[in-house]
């Protein structure tokens, strides 16, 4: 069985939801079960389970069985990759804006 790498779109879609972002921040500090998260957040356990599933499918979290419960934790490696991707996008955008600015200044001086 091969593991499919989530696309960048799937990753960013997972991060776009406020509740998932809150859950990801929480499990980034310390692993937690869905029940623990539901007791800490204003969200049902069933909703937490769905959010955790999206985070896992996006490669941003993983779970491990501890007795009868599953504990979830954020995957720092994947989050670092996403951070580098965003940084590259930002640098590319800055370069494009500099090019546009230089062209506009050239046109304005003629």
PDB file of N, CA and C in Angstrom:
ATOM      1  N   UNK A   1       0.834  -1.173   0.000  1.00  0.00           N
ATOM      2  CA  UNK A   1       0.000   0.000   0.000  1.00  0.00           C
ATOM      3  C   UNK A   1       0.888   1.248   0.000  1.00  0.00           C
ATOM      4  N   UNK A   2       0.602   2.180  -0.902  1.00  0.00           N
ATOM      5  CA  UNK A   2       1.378   3.412  -0.961  1.00  0.00           C
ATOM      6  C   UNK A   2       0.624   4.531  -0.252  1.00  0.00           C
ATOM      7  N   UNK A   3       1.383   5.408   0.365  1.00  0.00           N
ATOM      8  CA  UNK A   3       0.796   6.544   1.046  1.00  0.00           C
ATOM      9  C   UNK A   3       0.812   7.722   0.092  1.00  0.00           C
ATOM     10  N   UNK A   4      -0.352   8.296  -0.136  1.00  0.00           N
ATOM     11  CA  UNK A   4      -0.478   9.431  -1.034  1.00  0.00           C
ATOM     12  C   UNK A   4      -0.109  10.704  -0.290  1.00  0.00           C
ATOM     13  N   UNK A   5       0.726  11.524  -0.923  1.00  0.00           N
ATOM     14  CA  UNK A   5       1.114  12.801  -0.334  1.00  0.00           C
ATOM     15  C   UNK A   5       0.000  13.813  -0.603  1.00  0.00           C
ATOM     16  N   UNK A   6      -0.500  14.457   0.433  1.00  0.00           N
ATOM     17  CA  UNK A   6      -1.558  15.447   0.223  1.00  0.00           C
ATOM     18  C   UNK A   6      -1.053  16.608  -0.642  1.00  0.00           C
ATOM     19  N   UNK A   7      -1.949  17.156  -1.436  1.00  0.00           N
ATOM     20  CA  UNK A   7      -1.577  18.301  -2.261  1.00  0.00           C
ATOM     21  C   UNK A   7      -1.502  19.556  -1.388  1.00  0.00           C
ATOM     22  N   UNK A   8      -0.817  20.573  -1.903  1.00  0.00           N
ATOM     23  CA  UNK A   8      -0.750  21.845  -1.188  1.00  0.00           C
ATOM     24  C   UNK A   8      -2.145  22.417  -0.981  1.00  0.00           C
ATOM     25  N   UNK A   9      -3.015  22.247  -1.959  1.00  0.00           N
ATOM     26  CA  UNK A   9      -4.390  22.758  -1.839  1.00  0.00           C
ATOM     27  C   UNK A   9      -5.102  22.090  -0.665  1.00  0.00           C
ATOM     28  N   UNK A  10      -4.928  20.783  -0.506  1.00  0.00           N
ATOM     29  CA  UNK A  10      -5.541  20.075   0.621  1.00  0.00           C
ATOM     30  C   UNK A  10      -4.996  20.584   1.951  1.00  0.00           C
ATOM     31  N   UNK A  11      -3.703  20.841   1.990  1.00  0.00           N
ATOM     32  CA  UNK A  11      -3.074  21.332   3.218  1.00  0.00           C
ATOM     33  C   UNK A  11      -3.632  22.709   3.570  1.00  0.00           C
ATOM     34  N   UNK A  12      -3.659  23.605   2.590  1.00  0.00           N
ATOM     35  CA  UNK A  12      -4.139  24.955   2.872  1.00  0.00           C
ATOM     36  C   UNK A  12      -5.632  24.976   3.164  1.00  0.00           C
ATOM     37  N   UNK A  13      -6.391  24.091   2.535  1.00  0.00           N
ATOM     38  CA  UNK A  13      -7.816  23.989   2.853  1.00  0.00           C
ATOM     39  C   UNK A  13      -8.004  23.528   4.300  1.00  0.00           C
ATOM     40  N   UNK A  14      -7.169  22.611   4.741  1.00  0.00           N
ATOM     41  CA  UNK A  14      -7.246  22.144   6.129  1.00  0.00           C
ATOM     42  C   UNK A  14      -6.912  23.271   7.097  1.00  0.00           C
ATOM     43  N   UNK A  15      -5.934  24.094   6.743  1.00  0.00           N
ATOM     44  CA  UNK A  15      -5.519  25.189   7.612  1.00  0.00           C
ATOM     45  C   UNK A  15      -6.489  26.366   7.589  1.00  0.00           C
ATOM     46  N   UNK A  16      -7.337  26.434   6.570  1.00  0.00           N
ATOM     47  CA  UNK A  16      -8.217  27.595   6.393  1.00  0.00           C
ATOM     48  C   UNK A  16      -9.358  27.660   7.402  1.00  0.00           C
ATOM     49  N   UNK A  17      -9.679  26.551   8.030  1.00  0.00           N
ATOM     50  CA  UNK A  17     -10.793  26.516   8.979  1.00  0.00           C
ATOM     51  C   UNK A  17     -10.315  26.960  10.365  1.00  0.00           C
ATOM     52  N   UNK A  18     -11.019  27.917  10.960  1.00  0.00           N
ATOM     53  CA  UNK A  18     -10.621  28.455  12.273  1.00  0.00           C
ATOM     54  C   UNK A  18     -10.548  27.376  13.351  1.00  0.00           C
ATOM     55  N   UNK A  19     -11.538  26.494  13.374  1.00  0.00           N
ATOM     56  CA  UNK A  19     -11.546  25.453  14.411  1.00  0.00           C
ATOM     57  C   UNK A  19     -10.381  24.499  14.216  1.00  0.00           C
ATOM     58  N   UNK A  20     -10.126  24.091  12.963  1.00  0.00           N
ATOM     59  CA  UNK A  20      -8.986  23.195  12.717  1.00  0.00           C
ATOM     60  C   UNK A  20      -7.681  23.867  13.096  1.00  0.00           C
ATOM     61  N   UNK A  21      -7.565  25.156  12.814  1.00  0.00           N
ATOM     62  CA  UNK A  21      -6.354  25.888  13.188  1.00  0.00           C
ATOM     63  C   UNK A  21      -6.178  25.861  14.705  1.00  0.00           C
ATOM     64  N   UNK A  22      -7.271  26.077  15.436  1.00  0.00           N
ATOM     65  CA  UNK A  22      -7.222  26.037  16.904  1.00  0.00           C
ATOM     66  C   UNK A  22      -6.834  24.649  17.389  1.00  0.00           C
ATOM     67  N   UNK A  23      -7.427  23.622  16.805  1.00  0.00           N
ATOM     68  CA  UNK A  23      -7.098  22.238  17.175  1.00  0.00           C
ATOM     69  C   UNK A  23      -5.630  21.952  16.886  1.00  0.00           C
ATOM     70  N   UNK A  24      -5.151  22.373  15.720  1.00  0.00           N
ATOM     71  CA  UNK A  24      -3.763  22.125  15.349  1.00  0.00           C
ATOM     72  C   UNK A  24      -2.801  22.824  16.311  1.00  0.00           C
ATOM     73  N   UNK A  25      -3.105  24.058  16.674  1.00  0.00           N
ATOM     74  CA  UNK A  25      -2.265  24.758  17.644  1.00  0.00           C
ATOM     75  C   UNK A  25      -2.243  24.009  18.971  1.00  0.00           C
ATOM     76  N   UNK A  26      -3.405  23.540  19.384  1.00  0.00           N
ATOM     77  CA  UNK A  26      -3.509  22.833  20.676  1.00  0.00           C
ATOM     78  C   UNK A  26      -2.712  21.540  20.663  1.00  0.00           C
ATOM     79  N   UNK A  27      -2.845  20.732  19.609  1.00  0.00           N
ATOM     80  CA  UNK A  27      -2.112  19.460  19.578  1.00  0.00           C
ATOM     81  C   UNK A  27      -0.644  19.680  19.225  1.00  0.00           C
ATOM     82  N   UNK A  28      -0.302  20.876  18.784  1.00  0.00           N
ATOM     83  CA  UNK A  28       1.099  21.223  18.581  1.00  0.00           C
ATOM     84  C   UNK A  28       1.821  21.445  19.902  1.00  0.00           C
ATOM     85  N   UNK A  29       1.084  21.911  20.899  1.00  0.00           N
ATOM     86  CA  UNK A  29       1.673  22.119  22.225  1.00  0.00           C
ATOM     87  C   UNK A  29       1.795  20.807  22.981  1.00  0.00           C
ATOM     88  N   UNK A  30       0.743  19.976  22.874  1.00  0.00           N
ATOM     89  CA  UNK A  30       0.706  18.698  23.595  1.00  0.00           C
ATOM     90  C   UNK A  30      -0.334  17.805  22.944  1.00  0.00           C
ATOM     91  N   UNK A  31       0.022  16.554  22.736  1.00  0.00           N
ATOM     92  CA  UNK A  31      -0.923  15.612  22.163  1.00  0.00           C
ATOM     93  C   UNK A  31      -2.182  15.505  23.002  1.00  0.00           C
ATOM     94  N   UNK A  32      -3.294  15.181  22.348  1.00  0.00           N
ATOM     95  CA  UNK A  32      -4.557  15.092  23.068  1.00  0.00           C
ATOM     96  C   UNK A  32      -5.524  14.188  22.321  1.00  0.00           C
ATOM     97  N   UNK A  33      -6.456  13.629  23.052  1.00  0.00           N
ATOM     98  CA  UNK A  33      -7.513  12.817  22.450  1.00  0.00           C
ATOM     99  C   UNK A  33      -8.639  13.727  21.989  1.00  0.00           C
ATOM    100  N   UNK A  34      -9.526  13.191  21.167  1.00  0.00           N
ATOM    101  CA  UNK A  34     -10.691  13.945  20.707  1.00  0.00           C
ATOM    102  C   UNK A  34     -11.560  14.344  21.896  1.00  0.00           C
ATOM    103  N   UNK A  35     -11.702  13.463  22.864  1.00  0.00           N
ATOM    104  CA  UNK A  35     -12.511  13.776  24.049  1.00  0.00           C
ATOM    105  C   UNK A  35     -11.911  14.930  24.843  1.00  0.00           C
ATOM    106  N   UNK A  36     -10.597  14.919  25.001  1.00  0.00           N
ATOM    107  CA  UNK A  36      -9.927  16.006  25.712  1.00  0.00           C
ATOM    108  C   UNK A  36     -10.131  17.322  24.977  1.00  0.00           C
ATOM    109  N   UNK A  37      -9.951  17.291  23.675  1.00  0.00           N
ATOM    110  CA  UNK A  37     -10.131  18.510  22.878  1.00  0.00           C
ATOM    111  C   UNK A  37     -11.563  19.015  22.964  1.00  0.00           C
ATOM    112  N   UNK A  38     -12.522  18.102  22.913  1.00  0.00           N
ATOM    113  CA  UNK A  38     -13.930  18.503  22.996  1.00  0.00           C
ATOM    114  C   UNK A  38     -14.255  19.120  24.352  1.00  0.00           C
ATOM    115  N   UNK A  39     -13.568  18.677  25.395  1.00  0.00           N
ATOM    116  CA  UNK A  39     -13.817  19.249  26.719  1.00  0.00           C
ATOM    117  C   UNK A  39     -13.185  20.641  26.855  1.00  0.00           C
ATOM    118  N   UNK A  40     -12.190  20.930  26.033  1.00  0.00           N
ATOM    119  CA  UNK A  40     -11.501  22.218  26.101  1.00  0.00           C
ATOM    120  C   UNK A  40     -12.050  23.257  25.125  1.00  0.00           C
ATOM    121  N   UNK A  41     -12.671  22.796  24.055  1.00  0.00           N
ATOM    122  CA  UNK A  41     -13.131  23.698  23.004  1.00  0.00           C
ATOM    123  C   UNK A  41     -14.662  23.677  22.910  1.00  0.00           C
ATOM    124  N   UNK A  42     -15.240  24.744  22.382  1.00  0.00           N
ATOM    125  CA  UNK A  42     -16.700  24.799  22.259  1.00  0.00           C
ATOM    126  C   UNK A  42     -17.202  24.067  21.010  1.00  0.00           C
ATOM    127  N   UNK A  43     -16.774  22.813  20.865  1.00  0.00           N
ATOM    128  CA  UNK A  43     -17.096  22.002  19.696  1.00  0.00           C
ATOM    129  C   UNK A  43     -17.424  20.590  20.183  1.00  0.00           C
ATOM    130  N   UNK A  44     -18.358  19.931  19.510  1.00  0.00           N
ATOM    131  CA  UNK A  44     -18.710  18.561  19.911  1.00  0.00           C
ATOM    132  C   UNK A  44     -17.558  17.609  19.610  1.00  0.00           C
ATOM    133  N   UNK A  45     -17.573  16.485  20.285  1.00  0.00           N
ATOM    134  CA  UNK A  45     -16.546  15.474  20.046  1.00  0.00           C
ATOM    135  C   UNK A  45     -16.597  14.988  18.599  1.00  0.00           C
ATOM    136  N   UNK A  46     -17.811  14.810  18.073  1.00  0.00           N
ATOM    137  CA  UNK A  46     -17.958  14.346  16.691  1.00  0.00           C
ATOM    138  C   UNK A  46     -17.328  15.344  15.711  1.00  0.00           C
ATOM    139  N   UNK A  47     -17.524  16.633  15.953  1.00  0.00           N
ATOM    140  CA  UNK A  47     -16.924  17.656  15.088  1.00  0.00           C
ATOM    141  C   UNK A  47     -15.397  17.630  15.224  1.00  0.00           C
ATOM    142  N   UNK A  48     -14.915  17.459  16.441  1.00  0.00           N
ATOM    143  CA  UNK A  48     -13.466  17.378  16.671  1.00  0.00           C
ATOM    144  C   UNK A  48     -12.882  16.208  15.889  1.00  0.00           C
ATOM    145  N   UNK A  49     -13.551  15.065  15.932  1.00  0.00           N
ATOM    146  CA  UNK A  49     -13.073  13.878  15.210  1.00  0.00           C
ATOM    147  C   UNK A  49     -12.984  14.177  13.715  1.00  0.00           C
ATOM    148  N   UNK A  50     -13.982  14.868  13.164  1.00  0.00           N
ATOM    149  CA  UNK A  50     -13.945  15.225  11.736  1.00  0.00           C
ATOM    150  C   UNK A  50     -12.782  16.168  11.438  1.00  0.00           C
ATOM    151  N   UNK A  51     -12.570  17.156  12.295  1.00  0.00           N
ATOM    152  CA  UNK A  51     -11.463  18.093  12.091  1.00  0.00           C
ATOM    153  C   UNK A  51     -10.115  17.371  12.176  1.00  0.00           C
ATOM    154  N   UNK A  52      -9.978  16.481  13.116  1.00  0.00           N
ATOM    155  CA  UNK A  52      -8.739  15.715  13.257  1.00  0.00           C
ATOM    156  C   UNK A  52      -8.494  14.836  12.028  1.00  0.00           C
ATOM    157  N   UNK A  53      -9.556  14.283  11.484  1.00  0.00           N
ATOM    158  CA  UNK A  53      -9.444  13.459  10.281  1.00  0.00           C
ATOM    159  C   UNK A  53      -8.933  14.294   9.105  1.00  0.00           C
ATOM    160  N   UNK A  54      -9.452  15.495   8.956  1.00  0.00           N
ATOM    161  CA  UNK A  54      -8.992  16.380   7.882  1.00  0.00           C
ATOM    162  C   UNK A  54      -7.515  16.719   8.085  1.00  0.00           C
ATOM    163  N   UNK A  55      -7.127  17.016   9.320  1.00  0.00           N
ATOM    164  CA  UNK A  55      -5.725  17.331   9.604  1.00  0.00           C
ATOM    165  C   UNK A  55      -4.816  16.139   9.310  1.00  0.00           C
ATOM    166  N   UNK A  56      -5.282  14.945   9.668  1.00  0.00           N
ATOM    167  CA  UNK A  56      -4.487  13.734   9.373  1.00  0.00           C
ATOM    168  C   UNK A  56      -4.371  13.518   7.871  1.00  0.00           C
ATOM    169  N   UNK A  57      -5.483  13.646   7.153  1.00  0.00           N
ATOM    170  CA  UNK A  57      -5.475  13.440   5.703  1.00  0.00           C
ATOM    171  C   UNK A  57      -4.604  14.457   4.985  1.00  0.00           C
ATOM    172  N   UNK A  58      -4.466  15.639   5.577  1.00  0.00           N
ATOM    173  CA  UNK A  58      -3.616  16.676   4.994  1.00  0.00           C
ATOM    174  C   UNK A  58      -2.153  16.500   5.393  1.00  0.00           C
ATOM    175  N   UNK A  59      -1.870  15.500   6.232  1.00  0.00           N
ATOM    176  CA  UNK A  59      -0.499  15.245   6.652  1.00  0.00           C
ATOM    177  C   UNK A  59       0.004  16.201   7.718  1.00  0.00           C
ATOM    178  N   UNK A  60      -0.919  16.883   8.404  1.00  0.00           N
ATOM    179  CA  UNK A  60      -0.538  17.872   9.417  1.00  0.00           C
ATOM    180  C   UNK A  60      -0.595  17.322  10.836  1.00  0.00           C
ATOM    181  N   UNK A  61      -1.204  16.153  11.008  1.00  0.00           N
ATOM    182  CA  UNK A  61      -1.336  15.533  12.329  1.00  0.00           C
ATOM    183  C   UNK A  61      -1.293  14.024  12.159  1.00  0.00           C
ATOM    184  N   UNK A  62      -1.003  13.362  13.257  1.00  0.00           N
ATOM    185  CA  UNK A  62      -1.047  11.897  13.266  1.00  0.00           C
ATOM    186  C   UNK A  62      -1.608  11.449  14.603  1.00  0.00           C
ATOM    187  N   UNK A  63      -2.124  10.240  14.602  1.00  0.00           N
ATOM    188  CA  UNK A  63      -2.684   9.711  15.845  1.00  0.00           C
ATOM    189  C   UNK A  63      -1.973   8.426  16.223  1.00  0.00           C
ATOM    190  N   UNK A  64      -2.030   8.161  17.512  1.00  0.00           N
ATOM    191  CA  UNK A  64      -1.442   6.937  18.052  1.00  0.00           C
ATOM    192  C   UNK A  64      -2.395   6.407  19.107  1.00  0.00           C
ATOM    193  N   UNK A  65      -2.567   5.107  19.131  1.00  0.00           N
ATOM    194  CA  UNK A  65      -3.478   4.494  20.096  1.00  0.00           C
ATOM    195  C   UNK A  65      -2.788   4.344  21.444  1.00  0.00           C
ATOM    196  N   UNK A  66      -3.487   4.799  22.486  1.00  0.00           N
ATOM    197  CA  UNK A  66      -3.057   4.628  23.874  1.00  0.00           C
ATOM    198  C   UNK A  66      -4.223   3.987  24.604  1.00  0.00           C
ATOM    199  N   UNK A  67      -4.154   2.685  24.811  1.00  0.00           N
ATOM    200  CA  UNK A  67      -5.272   1.988  25.438  1.00  0.00           C
ATOM    201  C   UNK A  67      -6.510   2.090  24.583  1.00  0.00           C
ATOM    202  N   UNK A  68      -7.575   2.649  25.141  1.00  0.00           N
ATOM    203  CA  UNK A  68      -8.843   2.758  24.412  1.00  0.00           C
ATOM    204  C   UNK A  68      -8.992   4.065  23.636  1.00  0.00           C
ATOM    205  N   UNK A  69      -8.037   4.958  23.758  1.00  0.00           N
ATOM    206  CA  UNK A  69      -8.191   6.246  23.072  1.00  0.00           C
ATOM    207  C   UNK A  69      -7.082   6.476  22.058  1.00  0.00           C
ATOM    208  N   UNK A  70      -7.323   7.397  21.160  1.00  0.00           N
ATOM    209  CA  UNK A  70      -6.334   7.825  20.193  1.00  0.00           C
ATOM    210  C   UNK A  70      -5.872   9.213  20.598  1.00  0.00           C
ATOM    211  N   UNK A  71      -4.573   9.405  20.606  1.00  0.00           N
ATOM    212  CA  UNK A  71      -4.021  10.728  20.890  1.00  0.00           C
ATOM    213  C   UNK A  71      -3.458  11.295  19.598  1.00  0.00           C
ATOM    214  N   UNK A  72      -3.718  12.540  19.393  1.00  0.00           N
ATOM    215  CA  UNK A  72      -3.307  13.232  18.179  1.00  0.00           C
ATOM    216  C   UNK A  72      -2.201  14.221  18.496  1.00  0.00           C
ATOM    217  N   UNK A  73      -1.283  14.362  17.540  1.00  0.00           N
ATOM    218  CA  UNK A  73      -0.229  15.353  17.686  1.00  0.00           C
ATOM    219  C   UNK A  73       0.031  15.973  16.315  1.00  0.00           C
ATOM    220  N   UNK A  74       0.500  17.213  16.336  1.00  0.00           N
ATOM    221  CA  UNK A  74       0.837  17.913  15.099  1.00  0.00           C
ATOM    222  C   UNK A  74       2.151  17.373  14.559  1.00  0.00           C
ATOM    223  N   UNK A  75       2.291  17.398  13.257  1.00  0.00           N
ATOM    224  CA  UNK A  75       3.519  16.935  12.610  1.00  0.00           C
ATOM    225  C   UNK A  75       4.369  18.149  12.226  1.00  0.00           C
ATOM    226  N   UNK A  76       5.369  18.407  13.031  1.00  0.00           N
ATOM    227  CA  UNK A  76       6.216  19.571  12.835  1.00  0.00           C
ATOM    228  C   UNK A  76       6.933  19.592  11.502  1.00  0.00           C
ATOM    229  N   UNK A  77       7.344  18.436  11.011  1.00  0.00           N
ATOM    230  CA  UNK A  77       8.064  18.378   9.740  1.00  0.00           C
ATOM    231  C   UNK A  77       7.186  18.918   8.621  1.00  0.00           C
ATOM    232  N   UNK A  78       5.949  18.459   8.563  1.00  0.00           N
ATOM    233  CA  UNK A  78       5.043  18.910   7.497  1.00  0.00           C
ATOM    234  C   UNK A  78       4.723  20.395   7.656  1.00  0.00           C
ATOM    235  N   UNK A  79       4.531  20.841   8.894  1.00  0.00           N
ATOM    236  CA  UNK A  79       4.243  22.253   9.127  1.00  0.00           C
ATOM    237  C   UNK A  79       5.434  23.114   8.716  1.00  0.00           C
ATOM    238  N   UNK A  80       6.650  22.637   8.944  1.00  0.00           N
ATOM    239  CA  UNK A  80       7.845  23.367   8.509  1.00  0.00           C
ATOM    240  C   UNK A  80       7.904  23.449   6.990  1.00  0.00           C
ATOM    241  N   UNK A  81       7.543  22.357   6.309  1.00  0.00           N
ATOM    242  CA  UNK A  81       7.500  22.364   4.842  1.00  0.00           C
ATOM    243  C   UNK A  81       6.502  23.403   4.342  1.00  0.00           C
ATOM    244  N   UNK A  82       5.344  23.446   4.965  1.00  0.00           N
ATOM    245  CA  UNK A  82       4.310  24.410   4.582  1.00  0.00           C
ATOM    246  C   UNK A  82       4.820  25.833   4.815  1.00  0.00           C
ATOM    247  N   UNK A  83       5.498  26.042   5.926  1.00  0.00           N
ATOM    248  CA  UNK A  83       6.069  27.354   6.215  1.00  0.00           C
ATOM    249  C   UNK A  83       7.075  27.782   5.157  1.00  0.00           C
ATOM    250  N   UNK A  84       7.926  26.856   4.735  1.00  0.00           N
ATOM    251  CA  UNK A  84       8.906  27.172   3.690  1.00  0.00           C
ATOM    252  C   UNK A  84       8.211  27.493   2.364  1.00  0.00           C
ATOM    253  N   UNK A  85       7.161  26.755   2.059  1.00  0.00           N
ATOM    254  CA  UNK A  85       6.409  27.012   0.831  1.00  0.00           C
ATOM    255  C   UNK A  85       5.792  28.411   0.866  1.00  0.00           C
ATOM    256  N   UNK A  86       5.201  28.772   1.988  1.00  0.00           N
ATOM    257  CA  UNK A  86       4.611  30.101   2.113  1.00  0.00           C
ATOM    258  C   UNK A  86       5.673  31.192   2.021  1.00  0.00           C
ATOM    259  N   UNK A  87       6.829  30.940   2.592  1.00  0.00           N
ATOM    260  CA  UNK A  87       7.920  31.904   2.519  1.00  0.00           C
ATOM    261  C   UNK A  87       8.362  32.104   1.064  1.00  0.00           C
ATOM    262  N   UNK A  88       8.451  31.019   0.316  1.00  0.00           N
ATOM    263  CA  UNK A  88       8.836  31.108  -1.095  1.00  0.00           C
ATOM    264  C   UNK A  88       7.785  31.880  -1.898  1.00  0.00           C
ATOM    265  N   UNK A  89       6.520  31.628  -1.608  1.00  0.00           N
ATOM    266  CA  UNK A  89       5.444  32.358  -2.290  1.00  0.00           C
ATOM    267  C   UNK A  89       5.562  33.847  -1.969  1.00  0.00           C
ATOM    268  N   UNK A  90       5.807  34.161  -0.709  1.00  0.00           N
ATOM    269  CA  UNK A  90       5.951  35.558  -0.298  1.00  0.00           C
ATOM    270  C   UNK A  90       7.118  36.240  -0.991  1.00  0.00           C
ATOM    271  N   UNK A  91       8.247  35.563  -1.098  1.00  0.00           N
ATOM    272  CA  UNK A  91       9.420  36.138  -1.767  1.00  0.00           C
ATOM    273  C   UNK A  91       9.140  36.348  -3.254  1.00  0.00           C
ATOM    274  N   UNK A  92       8.458  35.395  -3.867  1.00  0.00           N
ATOM    275  CA  UNK A  92       8.093  35.539  -5.279  1.00  0.00           C
ATOM    276  C   UNK A  92       7.169  36.724  -5.490  1.00  0.00           C
ATOM    277  N   UNK A  93       6.231  36.899  -4.577  1.00  0.00           N
ATOM    278  CA  UNK A  93       5.301  38.020  -4.665  1.00  0.00           C
ATOM    279  C   UNK A  93       6.060  39.335  -4.518  1.00  0.00           C
ATOM    280  N   UNK A  94       6.982  39.412  -3.562  1.00  0.00           N
ATOM    281  CA  UNK A  94       7.777  40.632  -3.366  1.00  0.00           C
ATOM    282  C   UNK A  94       8.593  40.946  -4.616  1.00  0.00           C
ATOM    283  N   UNK A  95       9.161  39.932  -5.248  1.00  0.00           N
ATOM    284  CA  UNK A  95       9.946  40.144  -6.462  1.00  0.00           C
ATOM    285  C   UNK A  95       9.051  40.675  -7.586  1.00  0.00           C
ATOM    286  N   UNK A  96       7.864  40.118  -7.741  1.00  0.00           N
ATOM    287  CA  UNK A  96       6.938  40.597  -8.778  1.00  0.00           C
ATOM    288  C   UNK A  96       6.523  42.041  -8.518  1.00  0.00           C
ATOM    289  N   UNK A  97       6.243  42.355  -7.254  1.00  0.00           N
ATOM    290  CA  UNK A  97       5.846  43.723  -6.913  1.00  0.00           C
ATOM    291  C   UNK A  97       6.986  44.703  -7.184  1.00  0.00           C
ATOM    292  N   UNK A  98       8.220  44.327  -6.925  1.00  0.00           N
ATOM    293  CA  UNK A  98       9.377  45.184  -7.212  1.00  0.00           C
ATOM    294  C   UNK A  98       9.499  45.433  -8.709  1.00  0.00           C
ATOM    295  N   UNK A  99       9.262  44.396  -9.508  1.00  0.00           N
ATOM    296  CA  UNK A  99       9.315  44.528 -10.964  1.00  0.00           C
ATOM    297  C   UNK A  99       8.229  45.479 -11.457  1.00  0.00           C
ATOM    298  N   UNK A 100       7.025  45.332 -10.913  1.00  0.00           N
ATOM    299  CA  UNK A 100       5.910  46.209 -11.297  1.00  0.00           C
ATOM    300  C   UNK A 100       6.201  47.654 -10.894  1.00  0.00           C
ATOM    301  N   UNK A 101       6.734  47.833  -9.702  1.00  0.00           N
ATOM    302  CA  UNK A 101       7.064  49.170  -9.206  1.00  0.00           C
ATOM    303  C   UNK A 101       8.111  49.824 -10.107  1.00  0.00           C
ATOM    304  N   UNK A 102       9.161  49.076 -10.458  1.00  0.00           N
ATOM    305  CA  UNK A 102      10.219  49.620 -11.316  1.00  0.00           C
ATOM    306  C   UNK A 102       9.655  49.999 -12.680  1.00  0.00           C
ATOM    307  N   UNK A 103       8.780  49.170 -13.237  1.00  0.00           N
ATOM    308  CA  UNK A 103       8.179  49.471 -14.540  1.00  0.00           C
ATOM    309  C   UNK A 103       7.294  50.709 -14.446  1.00  0.00           C
ATOM    310  N   UNK A 104       6.530  50.831 -13.380  1.00  0.00           N
ATOM    311  CA  UNK A 104       5.659  51.995 -13.203  1.00  0.00           C
ATOM    312  C   UNK A 104       6.483  53.264 -13.046  1.00  0.00           C
ATOM    313  N   UNK A 105       7.573  53.188 -12.310  1.00  0.00           N
ATOM    314  CA  UNK A 105       8.440  54.355 -12.127  1.00  0.00           C
ATOM    315  C   UNK A 105       9.114  54.760 -13.447  1.00  0.00           C
ATOM    316  N   UNK A 106       9.506  53.761 -14.249  1.00  0.00           N
ATOM    317  CA  UNK A 106      10.095  54.045 -15.566  1.00  0.00           C
ATOM    318  C   UNK A 106       9.081  54.755 -16.455  1.00  0.00           C
ATOM    319  N   UNK A 107       7.855  54.225 -16.473  1.00  0.00           N
ATOM    320  CA  UNK A 107       6.795  54.812 -17.311  1.00  0.00           C
ATOM    321  C   UNK A 107       6.449  56.226 -16.839  1.00  0.00           C
ATOM    322  N   UNK A 108       6.460  56.444 -15.527  1.00  0.00           N
ATOM    323  CA  UNK A 108       6.111  57.755 -14.987  1.00  0.00           C
ATOM    324  C   UNK A 108       7.167  58.794 -15.324  1.00  0.00           C
ATOM    325  N   UNK A 109       8.413  58.374 -15.469  1.00  0.00           N
ATOM    326  CA  UNK A 109       9.491  59.333 -15.733  1.00  0.00           C
ATOM    327  C   UNK A 109       9.618  59.657 -17.211  1.00  0.00           C
ATOM    328  N   UNK A 110       8.916  58.955 -18.085  1.00  0.00           N
ATOM    329  CA  UNK A 110       8.995  59.219 -19.531  1.00  0.00           C
ATOM    330  C   UNK A 110       7.900  60.097 -20.004  1.00  0.00           C
TER     331      UNK A 110
END
